[in-house]
Amino acid sequence: MVHAEAAIAAGVVGMCVGSFGNVVAHRIPIGQTPWFPQRSYCPHCQSSIRFRDNIPLLSFFLLRGKCRDCHGPISWRYPVVEAVTALGFSLAFLLHGLSMRALSGSLFAAVLVVLATTDSEHGRLPTAVVASGAVLAAFVALARALSEGAGSLWHVASAALTGLGLLGLVRWVASRLARREAMGLGDVRLAGMMGLYIASPSHTLLAIVLASLAGALWGTVLIAMGRARMGNQMPFGPFLAVGGIVSFHAGEPILGWYLRLFAR
């Protein structure tokens, strides 16, 4: 019951964080900051958004997806980001209760949603967002080390190095084989940042494997539908985000199932 109440409260906080995440996802790729040149504004008419029109999820539907001033369309990306971030917060506290693990999972979800959005819309994983996510993860890791001992920092560091090293190697090999850049450095940095949150080398490896499988499956679907061709590049960040979240929350049972499968 306590977990359910915490999950509901966390979901409300997550919606607000997702609203801020929308600002970050919109402004950072175009060279602005979340605080400059002004507070939330309509991208069509540049008018400042009123407080009553800036309530997460609710305002979008009350306005029927249009700006109050110019009636320009509001992208569905805004409520989707808010809803997914809220879900990420709720899931973390539902599964892990009132704990540092839940806090870490919530921050992880918020950062991944922003990065998946920017990569999907702009083909970019902004270094500023990845670095900010890494700093937040470092603070959480230090806080956990105070209660669990300094040994936990080794797991965090080794997981980050696993993400950086593995995806860096994949990028190098794939680029040599394709004779062109097969993967951006942003994906490599993201894999390293994911390790800081997942805090387990094996689970970080699992996250990358799951991301690769999801990306391959989606690519196959697009090719079968005639919407892509072999050799076309697509953003890998969203798949890393999915793999990271799944591994963070369910890495242990998935790896346990895999080991039991081959132990027969």
C-alpha atoms as a PDB file:
ATOM      1  CA  MET A   1       0.000   0.000   0.000  1.00  0.00           C
ATOM      2  CA  VAL A   2       2.836   2.350   0.897  1.00  0.00           C
ATOM      3  CA  HIS A   3       4.500   1.557  -2.415  1.00  0.00           C
ATOM      4  CA  ALA A   4       1.276   2.343  -4.294  1.00  0.00           C
ATOM      5  CA  GLU A   5       0.846   5.693  -2.524  1.00  0.00           C
ATOM      6  CA  ALA A   6       4.483   6.571  -3.167  1.00  0.00           C
ATOM      7  CA  ALA A   7       4.082   5.574  -6.821  1.00  0.00           C
ATOM      8  CA  ILE A   8       1.056   7.881  -7.255  1.00  0.00           C
ATOM      9  CA  ALA A   9       2.860  10.814  -5.645  1.00  0.00           C
ATOM     10  CA  ALA A  10       5.948  10.094  -7.724  1.00  0.00           C
ATOM     11  CA  GLY A  11       3.822  10.052 -10.871  1.00  0.00           C
ATOM     12  CA  VAL A  12       2.548  13.567 -10.151  1.00  0.00           C
ATOM     13  CA  VAL A  13       6.121  14.765  -9.624  1.00  0.00           C
ATOM     14  CA  GLY A  14       7.114  12.925 -12.800  1.00  0.00           C
ATOM     15  CA  MET A  15       4.522  14.831 -14.850  1.00  0.00           C
ATOM     16  CA  CYS A  16       6.027  18.124 -13.681  1.00  0.00           C
ATOM     17  CA  VAL A  17       9.549  16.890 -14.400  1.00  0.00           C
ATOM     18  CA  GLY A  18       8.345  15.743 -17.827  1.00  0.00           C
ATOM     19  CA  SER A  19       7.005  19.242 -18.489  1.00  0.00           C
ATOM     20  CA  PHE A  20      10.470  20.624 -17.811  1.00  0.00           C
ATOM     21  CA  GLY A  21      11.924  17.809 -19.918  1.00  0.00           C
ATOM     22  CA  ASN A  22       9.852  19.063 -22.855  1.00  0.00           C
ATOM     23  CA  VAL A  23      11.480  22.474 -22.509  1.00  0.00           C
ATOM     24  CA  VAL A  24      14.942  20.876 -22.459  1.00  0.00           C
ATOM     25  CA  ALA A  25      14.173  18.635 -25.457  1.00  0.00           C
ATOM     26  CA  HIS A  26      12.900  21.618 -27.468  1.00  0.00           C
ATOM     27  CA  ARG A  27      15.530  24.224 -26.576  1.00  0.00           C
ATOM     28  CA  ILE A  28      18.869  22.445 -26.189  1.00  0.00           C
ATOM     29  CA  PRO A  29      19.033  21.124 -29.792  1.00  0.00           C
ATOM     30  CA  ILE A  30      18.375  24.632 -31.179  1.00  0.00           C
ATOM     31  CA  GLY A  31      21.060  26.294 -29.085  1.00  0.00           C
ATOM     32  CA  GLN A  32      18.897  27.723 -26.307  1.00  0.00           C
ATOM     33  CA  THR A  33      18.813  26.922 -22.606  1.00  0.00           C
ATOM     34  CA  PRO A  34      15.766  25.993 -20.505  1.00  0.00           C
ATOM     35  CA  TRP A  35      15.913  29.456 -18.888  1.00  0.00           C
ATOM     36  CA  PHE A  36      16.785  31.657 -21.892  1.00  0.00           C
ATOM     37  CA  PRO A  37      15.487  33.626 -23.777  1.00  0.00           C
ATOM     38  CA  GLN A  38      12.230  33.444 -21.758  1.00  0.00           C
ATOM     39  CA  ARG A  39       9.958  31.113 -19.849  1.00  0.00           C
ATOM     40  CA  SER A  40       7.729  28.627 -21.696  1.00  0.00           C
ATOM     41  CA  TYR A  41       6.496  30.060 -24.986  1.00  0.00           C
ATOM     42  CA  CYS A  42       4.571  29.002 -28.074  1.00  0.00           C
ATOM     43  CA  PRO A  43       7.012  28.003 -30.843  1.00  0.00           C
ATOM     44  CA  HIS A  44       4.612  29.434 -33.446  1.00  0.00           C
ATOM     45  CA  CYS A  45       3.765  32.927 -32.135  1.00  0.00           C
ATOM     46  CA  GLN A  46       6.420  33.211 -29.403  1.00  0.00           C
ATOM     47  CA  SER A  47       3.822  34.359 -26.844  1.00  0.00           C
ATOM     48  CA  SER A  48       4.497  33.353 -23.233  1.00  0.00           C
ATOM     49  CA  ILE A  49       2.377  30.461 -22.034  1.00  0.00           C
ATOM     50  CA  ARG A  50       0.098  31.364 -19.130  1.00  0.00           C
ATOM     51  CA  PHE A  51       0.370  29.395 -15.905  1.00  0.00           C
ATOM     52  CA  ARG A  52      -3.109  27.877 -16.346  1.00  0.00           C
ATOM     53  CA  ASP A  53      -2.090  26.696 -19.810  1.00  0.00           C
ATOM     54  CA  ASN A  54       1.082  25.059 -18.529  1.00  0.00           C
ATOM     55  CA  ILE A  55      -0.375  22.372 -16.277  1.00  0.00           C
ATOM     56  CA  PRO A  56       1.146  18.999 -17.260  1.00  0.00           C
ATOM     57  CA  LEU A  57      -1.163  16.805 -19.376  1.00  0.00           C
ATOM     58  CA  LEU A  58      -4.354  18.626 -18.336  1.00  0.00           C
ATOM     59  CA  SER A  59      -3.708  21.877 -20.219  1.00  0.00           C
ATOM     60  CA  PHE A  60      -3.061  20.085 -23.503  1.00  0.00           C
ATOM     61  CA  PHE A  61      -6.516  18.525 -23.487  1.00  0.00           C
ATOM     62  CA  LEU A  62      -8.306  21.615 -22.176  1.00  0.00           C
ATOM     63  CA  LEU A  63      -6.757  23.613 -25.026  1.00  0.00           C
ATOM     64  CA  ARG A  64      -7.584  20.800 -27.460  1.00  0.00           C
ATOM     65  CA  GLY A  65      -3.977  20.701 -28.579  1.00  0.00           C
ATOM     66  CA  LYS A  66      -3.852  24.329 -29.768  1.00  0.00           C
ATOM     67  CA  CYS A  67      -2.176  27.535 -28.574  1.00  0.00           C
ATOM     68  CA  ARG A  68      -4.624  29.868 -26.832  1.00  0.00           C
ATOM     69  CA  ASP A  69      -3.234  32.920 -28.695  1.00  0.00           C
ATOM     70  CA  CYS A  70      -2.475  31.849 -32.265  1.00  0.00           C
ATOM     71  CA  HIS A  71      -4.346  28.508 -32.334  1.00  0.00           C
ATOM     72  CA  GLY A  72      -1.227  26.847 -33.719  1.00  0.00           C
ATOM     73  CA  PRO A  73      -1.063  23.081 -33.100  1.00  0.00           C
ATOM     74  CA  ILE A  74       0.675  21.809 -29.990  1.00  0.00           C
ATOM     75  CA  SER A  75       2.714  18.697 -30.737  1.00  0.00           C
ATOM     76  CA  TRP A  76       1.540  15.426 -29.210  1.00  0.00           C
ATOM     77  CA  ARG A  77       5.141  15.074 -28.090  1.00  0.00           C
ATOM     78  CA  TYR A  78       4.381  17.289 -25.075  1.00  0.00           C
ATOM     79  CA  PRO A  79       1.730  15.131 -23.348  1.00  0.00           C
ATOM     80  CA  VAL A  80       3.536  11.939 -24.382  1.00  0.00           C
ATOM     81  CA  VAL A  81       6.799  13.039 -22.742  1.00  0.00           C
ATOM     82  CA  GLU A  82       4.931  14.106 -19.594  1.00  0.00           C
ATOM     83  CA  ALA A  83       2.985  10.839 -19.419  1.00  0.00           C
ATOM     84  CA  VAL A  84       6.010   8.604 -20.065  1.00  0.00           C
ATOM     85  CA  THR A  85       8.117  10.454 -17.494  1.00  0.00           C
ATOM     86  CA  ALA A  86       5.289  10.147 -14.964  1.00  0.00           C
ATOM     87  CA  LEU A  87       5.104   6.419 -15.713  1.00  0.00           C
ATOM     88  CA  GLY A  88       8.872   6.100 -15.218  1.00  0.00           C
ATOM     89  CA  PHE A  89       8.676   7.778 -11.809  1.00  0.00           C
ATOM     90  CA  SER A  90       5.692   5.697 -10.703  1.00  0.00           C
ATOM     91  CA  LEU A  91       7.281   2.445 -11.854  1.00  0.00           C
ATOM     92  CA  ALA A  92      10.503   3.173  -9.969  1.00  0.00           C
ATOM     93  CA  PHE A  93       8.741   3.773  -6.651  1.00  0.00           C
ATOM     94  CA  LEU A  94       6.235   0.957  -7.176  1.00  0.00           C
ATOM     95  CA  LEU A  95       9.027  -1.567  -7.712  1.00  0.00           C
ATOM     96  CA  HIS A  96      11.637  -0.232  -5.274  1.00  0.00           C
ATOM     97  CA  GLY A  97       9.641   1.588  -2.614  1.00  0.00           C
ATOM     98  CA  LEU A  98      10.998   4.629  -0.800  1.00  0.00           C
ATOM     99  CA  SER A  99      14.662   4.056  -1.560  1.00  0.00           C
ATOM    100  CA  MET A 100      17.705   5.511  -3.259  1.00  0.00           C
ATOM    101  CA  ARG A 101      17.171   2.913  -5.973  1.00  0.00           C
ATOM    102  CA  ALA A 102      13.740   4.407  -6.690  1.00  0.00           C
ATOM    103  CA  LEU A 103      15.176   7.920  -6.797  1.00  0.00           C
ATOM    104  CA  SER A 104      17.914   6.756  -9.144  1.00  0.00           C
ATOM    105  CA  GLY A 105      15.368   5.011 -11.377  1.00  0.00           C
ATOM    106  CA  SER A 106      13.220   8.147 -11.539  1.00  0.00           C
ATOM    107  CA  LEU A 107      16.123  10.391 -12.534  1.00  0.00           C
ATOM    108  CA  PHE A 108      17.261   7.762 -15.043  1.00  0.00           C
ATOM    109  CA  ALA A 109      13.819   7.705 -16.658  1.00  0.00           C
ATOM    110  CA  ALA A 110      13.635  11.505 -16.858  1.00  0.00           C
ATOM    111  CA  VAL A 111      17.021  11.820 -18.560  1.00  0.00           C
ATOM    112  CA  LEU A 112      16.364   8.932 -20.952  1.00  0.00           C
ATOM    113  CA  VAL A 113      12.999  10.347 -22.048  1.00  0.00           C
ATOM    114  CA  VAL A 114      14.625  13.676 -22.937  1.00  0.00           C
ATOM    115  CA  LEU A 115      17.463  11.994 -24.837  1.00  0.00           C
ATOM    116  CA  ALA A 116      15.152   9.604 -26.689  1.00  0.00           C
ATOM    117  CA  THR A 117      13.076  12.621 -27.728  1.00  0.00           C
ATOM    118  CA  THR A 118      15.987  14.709 -28.999  1.00  0.00           C
ATOM    119  CA  ASP A 119      17.466  11.744 -30.859  1.00  0.00           C
ATOM    120  CA  SER A 120      14.128  10.911 -32.486  1.00  0.00           C
ATOM    121  CA  GLU A 121      13.404  14.502 -33.528  1.00  0.00           C
ATOM    122  CA  HIS A 122      16.873  15.893 -34.249  1.00  0.00           C
ATOM    123  CA  GLY A 123      19.164  12.868 -34.548  1.00  0.00           C
ATOM    124  CA  ARG A 124      21.187  14.235 -31.620  1.00  0.00           C
ATOM    125  CA  LEU A 125      22.063  13.199 -28.090  1.00  0.00           C
ATOM    126  CA  PRO A 126      23.130  16.566 -26.635  1.00  0.00           C
ATOM    127  CA  THR A 127      26.325  16.339 -24.609  1.00  0.00           C
ATOM    128  CA  ALA A 128      24.904  18.817 -22.082  1.00  0.00           C
ATOM    129  CA  VAL A 129      21.977  16.499 -21.304  1.00  0.00           C
ATOM    130  CA  VAL A 130      24.149  13.364 -21.133  1.00  0.00           C
ATOM    131  CA  ALA A 131      26.630  15.162 -18.871  1.00  0.00           C
ATOM    132  CA  SER A 132      23.840  16.469 -16.628  1.00  0.00           C
ATOM    133  CA  GLY A 133      22.461  12.940 -16.335  1.00  0.00           C
ATOM    134  CA  ALA A 134      25.911  11.646 -15.422  1.00  0.00           C
ATOM    135  CA  VAL A 135      26.319  14.296 -12.707  1.00  0.00           C
ATOM    136  CA  LEU A 136      22.944  13.401 -11.189  1.00  0.00           C
ATOM    137  CA  ALA A 137      23.902   9.706 -11.245  1.00  0.00           C
ATOM    138  CA  ALA A 138      27.227  10.496  -9.566  1.00  0.00           C
ATOM    139  CA  PHE A 139      25.476  12.315  -6.712  1.00  0.00           C
ATOM    140  CA  VAL A 140      23.106   9.384  -6.194  1.00  0.00           C
ATOM    141  CA  ALA A 141      26.053   6.944  -6.280  1.00  0.00           C
ATOM    142  CA  LEU A 142      27.890   8.963  -3.638  1.00  0.00           C
ATOM    143  CA  ALA A 143      24.785   9.063  -1.447  1.00  0.00           C
ATOM    144  CA  ARG A 144      24.408   5.296  -1.745  1.00  0.00           C
ATOM    145  CA  ALA A 145      28.082   4.815  -0.918  1.00  0.00           C
ATOM    146  CA  LEU A 146      27.554   6.593   2.415  1.00  0.00           C
ATOM    147  CA  SER A 147      25.064   3.907   3.465  1.00  0.00           C
ATOM    148  CA  GLU A 148      26.293   0.869   1.546  1.00  0.00           C
ATOM    149  CA  GLY A 149      30.029   1.433   1.649  1.00  0.00           C
ATOM    150  CA  ALA A 150      32.588   2.647  -0.877  1.00  0.00           C
ATOM    151  CA  GLY A 151      32.519  -0.736  -2.616  1.00  0.00           C
ATOM    152  CA  SER A 152      29.315   0.247  -4.380  1.00  0.00           C
ATOM    153  CA  LEU A 153      31.248   2.936  -6.257  1.00  0.00           C
ATOM    154  CA  TRP A 154      33.307   0.222  -7.934  1.00  0.00           C
ATOM    155  CA  HIS A 155      30.162  -1.321  -9.398  1.00  0.00           C
ATOM    156  CA  VAL A 156      29.083   2.076 -10.702  1.00  0.00           C
ATOM    157  CA  ALA A 157      32.474   2.866 -12.244  1.00  0.00           C
ATOM    158  CA  SER A 158      32.906  -0.589 -13.803  1.00  0.00           C
ATOM    159  CA  ALA A 159      29.386  -0.472 -15.279  1.00  0.00           C
ATOM    160  CA  ALA A 160      30.075   2.930 -16.830  1.00  0.00           C
ATOM    161  CA  LEU A 161      33.356   1.687 -18.300  1.00  0.00           C
ATOM    162  CA  THR A 162      31.554  -1.394 -19.632  1.00  0.00           C
ATOM    163  CA  GLY A 163      29.029   0.786 -21.465  1.00  0.00           C
ATOM    164  CA  LEU A 164      31.685   3.123 -22.855  1.00  0.00           C
ATOM    165  CA  GLY A 165      34.079   0.350 -23.816  1.00  0.00           C
ATOM    166  CA  LEU A 166      31.591  -2.043 -25.379  1.00  0.00           C
ATOM    167  CA  LEU A 167      29.680   0.475 -27.472  1.00  0.00           C
ATOM    168  CA  GLY A 168      32.909   2.255 -28.327  1.00  0.00           C
ATOM    169  CA  LEU A 169      34.299  -1.022 -29.676  1.00  0.00           C
ATOM    170  CA  VAL A 170      31.081  -1.721 -31.602  1.00  0.00           C
ATOM    171  CA  ARG A 171      31.243   1.765 -33.123  1.00  0.00           C
ATOM    172  CA  TRP A 172      34.879   1.315 -34.151  1.00  0.00           C
ATOM    173  CA  VAL A 173      34.344  -2.125 -35.733  1.00  0.00           C
ATOM    174  CA  ALA A 174      31.098  -1.159 -37.484  1.00  0.00           C
ATOM    175  CA  SER A 175      32.629   2.036 -38.860  1.00  0.00           C
ATOM    176  CA  ARG A 176      35.610   0.135 -40.249  1.00  0.00           C
ATOM    177  CA  LEU A 177      33.386  -2.464 -41.887  1.00  0.00           C
ATOM    178  CA  ALA A 178      30.987   0.124 -43.340  1.00  0.00           C
ATOM    179  CA  ARG A 179      33.831   2.520 -44.244  1.00  0.00           C
ATOM    180  CA  ARG A 180      31.837   5.372 -42.732  1.00  0.00           C
ATOM    181  CA  GLU A 181      30.749   6.474 -39.295  1.00  0.00           C
ATOM    182  CA  ALA A 182      28.263   3.785 -38.292  1.00  0.00           C
ATOM    183  CA  MET A 183      27.342   5.229 -34.902  1.00  0.00           C
ATOM    184  CA  GLY A 184      27.638   8.617 -33.253  1.00  0.00           C
ATOM    185  CA  LEU A 185      29.796   9.315 -30.223  1.00  0.00           C
ATOM    186  CA  GLY A 186      26.623  10.423 -28.459  1.00  0.00           C
ATOM    187  CA  ASP A 187      25.466   6.800 -28.314  1.00  0.00           C
ATOM    188  CA  VAL A 188      28.779   5.784 -26.728  1.00  0.00           C
ATOM    189  CA  ARG A 189      28.519   8.541 -24.122  1.00  0.00           C
ATOM    190  CA  LEU A 190      24.923   7.560 -23.420  1.00  0.00           C
ATOM    191  CA  ALA A 191      25.939   3.931 -22.828  1.00  0.00           C
ATOM    192  CA  GLY A 192      28.528   5.110 -20.312  1.00  0.00           C
ATOM    193  CA  MET A 193      25.979   7.297 -18.534  1.00  0.00           C
ATOM    194  CA  MET A 194      23.529   4.394 -18.410  1.00  0.00           C
ATOM    195  CA  GLY A 195      26.144   2.336 -16.580  1.00  0.00           C
ATOM    196  CA  LEU A 196      26.290   4.957 -13.819  1.00  0.00           C
ATOM    197  CA  TYR A 197      22.607   4.369 -13.096  1.00  0.00           C
ATOM    198  CA  ILE A 198      22.424   0.626 -13.720  1.00  0.00           C
ATOM    199  CA  ALA A 199      25.515   0.127 -11.521  1.00  0.00           C
ATOM    200  CA  SER A 200      26.230  -3.410 -12.770  1.00  0.00           C
ATOM    201  CA  PRO A 201      28.535  -4.377 -15.663  1.00  0.00           C
ATOM    202  CA  SER A 202      26.451  -7.432 -16.560  1.00  0.00           C
ATOM    203  CA  HIS A 203      23.196  -5.478 -16.500  1.00  0.00           C
ATOM    204  CA  THR A 204      24.765  -2.701 -18.591  1.00  0.00           C
ATOM    205  CA  LEU A 205      25.795  -5.326 -21.129  1.00  0.00           C
ATOM    206  CA  LEU A 206      22.225  -6.649 -21.061  1.00  0.00           C
ATOM    207  CA  ALA A 207      20.875  -3.142 -21.706  1.00  0.00           C
ATOM    208  CA  ILE A 208      23.028  -2.810 -24.835  1.00  0.00           C
ATOM    209  CA  VAL A 209      22.034  -6.280 -26.071  1.00  0.00           C
ATOM    210  CA  LEU A 210      18.340  -5.520 -25.553  1.00  0.00           C
ATOM    211  CA  ALA A 211      18.745  -2.170 -27.332  1.00  0.00           C
ATOM    212  CA  SER A 212      20.440  -3.877 -30.279  1.00  0.00           C
ATOM    213  CA  LEU A 213      17.716  -6.522 -30.523  1.00  0.00           C
ATOM    214  CA  ALA A 214      14.964  -3.893 -30.331  1.00  0.00           C
ATOM    215  CA  GLY A 215      16.687  -1.752 -32.962  1.00  0.00           C
ATOM    216  CA  ALA A 216      17.167  -4.727 -35.281  1.00  0.00           C
ATOM    217  CA  LEU A 217      13.534  -5.775 -34.879  1.00  0.00           C
ATOM    218  CA  TRP A 218      12.229  -2.268 -35.550  1.00  0.00           C
ATOM    219  CA  GLY A 219      14.519  -1.879 -38.553  1.00  0.00           C
ATOM    220  CA  THR A 220      13.241  -5.162 -39.958  1.00  0.00           C
ATOM    221  CA  VAL A 221       9.643  -3.988 -39.532  1.00  0.00           C
ATOM    222  CA  LEU A 222      10.393  -0.699 -41.316  1.00  0.00           C
ATOM    223  CA  ILE A 223      12.088  -2.522 -44.199  1.00  0.00           C
ATOM    224  CA  ALA A 224       9.182  -4.961 -44.502  1.00  0.00           C
ATOM    225  CA  MET A 225       6.781  -1.989 -44.627  1.00  0.00           C
ATOM    226  CA  GLY A 226       8.883  -0.309 -47.312  1.00  0.00           C
ATOM    227  CA  ARG A 227       9.652   2.674 -45.072  1.00  0.00           C
ATOM    228  CA  ALA A 228      13.405   2.013 -44.928  1.00  0.00           C
ATOM    229  CA  ARG A 229      16.136   0.250 -46.849  1.00  0.00           C
ATOM    230  CA  MET A 230      19.128  -1.827 -45.804  1.00  0.00           C
ATOM    231  CA  GLY A 231      21.974   0.467 -44.795  1.00  0.00           C
ATOM    232  CA  ASN A 232      19.747   3.342 -43.715  1.00  0.00           C
ATOM    233  CA  GLN A 233      20.732   4.833 -40.378  1.00  0.00           C
ATOM    234  CA  MET A 234      18.190   5.382 -37.623  1.00  0.00           C
ATOM    235  CA  PRO A 235      18.513   6.906 -34.136  1.00  0.00           C
ATOM    236  CA  PHE A 236      19.838   4.366 -31.656  1.00  0.00           C
ATOM    237  CA  GLY A 237      19.194   6.499 -28.564  1.00  0.00           C
ATOM    238  CA  PRO A 238      15.528   5.498 -28.127  1.00  0.00           C
ATOM    239  CA  PHE A 239      16.472   1.813 -28.209  1.00  0.00           C
ATOM    240  CA  LEU A 240      19.259   2.377 -25.669  1.00  0.00           C
ATOM    241  CA  ALA A 241      16.681   4.115 -23.485  1.00  0.00           C
ATOM    242  CA  VAL A 242      14.334   1.115 -23.660  1.00  0.00           C
ATOM    243  CA  GLY A 243      17.150  -1.335 -23.011  1.00  0.00           C
ATOM    244  CA  GLY A 244      18.411   0.759 -20.101  1.00  0.00           C
ATOM    245  CA  ILE A 245      15.049   0.992 -18.349  1.00  0.00           C
ATOM    246  CA  VAL A 246      14.276  -2.708 -18.798  1.00  0.00           C
ATOM    247  CA  SER A 247      17.699  -3.726 -17.515  1.00  0.00           C
ATOM    248  CA  PHE A 248      17.536  -1.308 -14.574  1.00  0.00           C
ATOM    249  CA  HIS A 249      14.255  -2.727 -13.283  1.00  0.00           C
ATOM    250  CA  ALA A 250      14.306  -6.315 -14.555  1.00  0.00           C
ATOM    251  CA  GLY A 251      17.940  -7.114 -15.267  1.00  0.00           C
ATOM    252  CA  GLU A 252      18.261  -9.664 -12.466  1.00  0.00           C
ATOM    253  CA  PRO A 253      15.300 -11.900 -13.441  1.00  0.00           C
ATOM    254  CA  ILE A 254      16.143 -11.653 -17.150  1.00  0.00           C
ATOM    255  CA  LEU A 255      19.753 -12.729 -16.619  1.00  0.00           C
ATOM    256  CA  GLY A 256      18.606 -15.422 -14.173  1.00  0.00           C
ATOM    257  CA  TRP A 257      16.196 -16.810 -16.770  1.00  0.00           C
ATOM    258  CA  TYR A 258      18.908 -16.726 -19.443  1.00  0.00           C
ATOM    259  CA  LEU A 259      21.421 -18.608 -17.257  1.00  0.00           C
ATOM    260  CA  ARG A 260      18.836 -21.222 -16.254  1.00  0.00           C
ATOM    261  CA  LEU A 261      17.907 -21.685 -19.919  1.00  0.00           C
ATOM    262  CA  PHE A 262      21.449 -22.693 -20.849  1.00  0.00           C
ATOM    263  CA  ALA A 263      22.117 -24.604 -17.642  1.00  0.00           C
ATOM    264  CA  ARG A 264      19.670 -27.326 -18.651  1.00  0.00           C
END
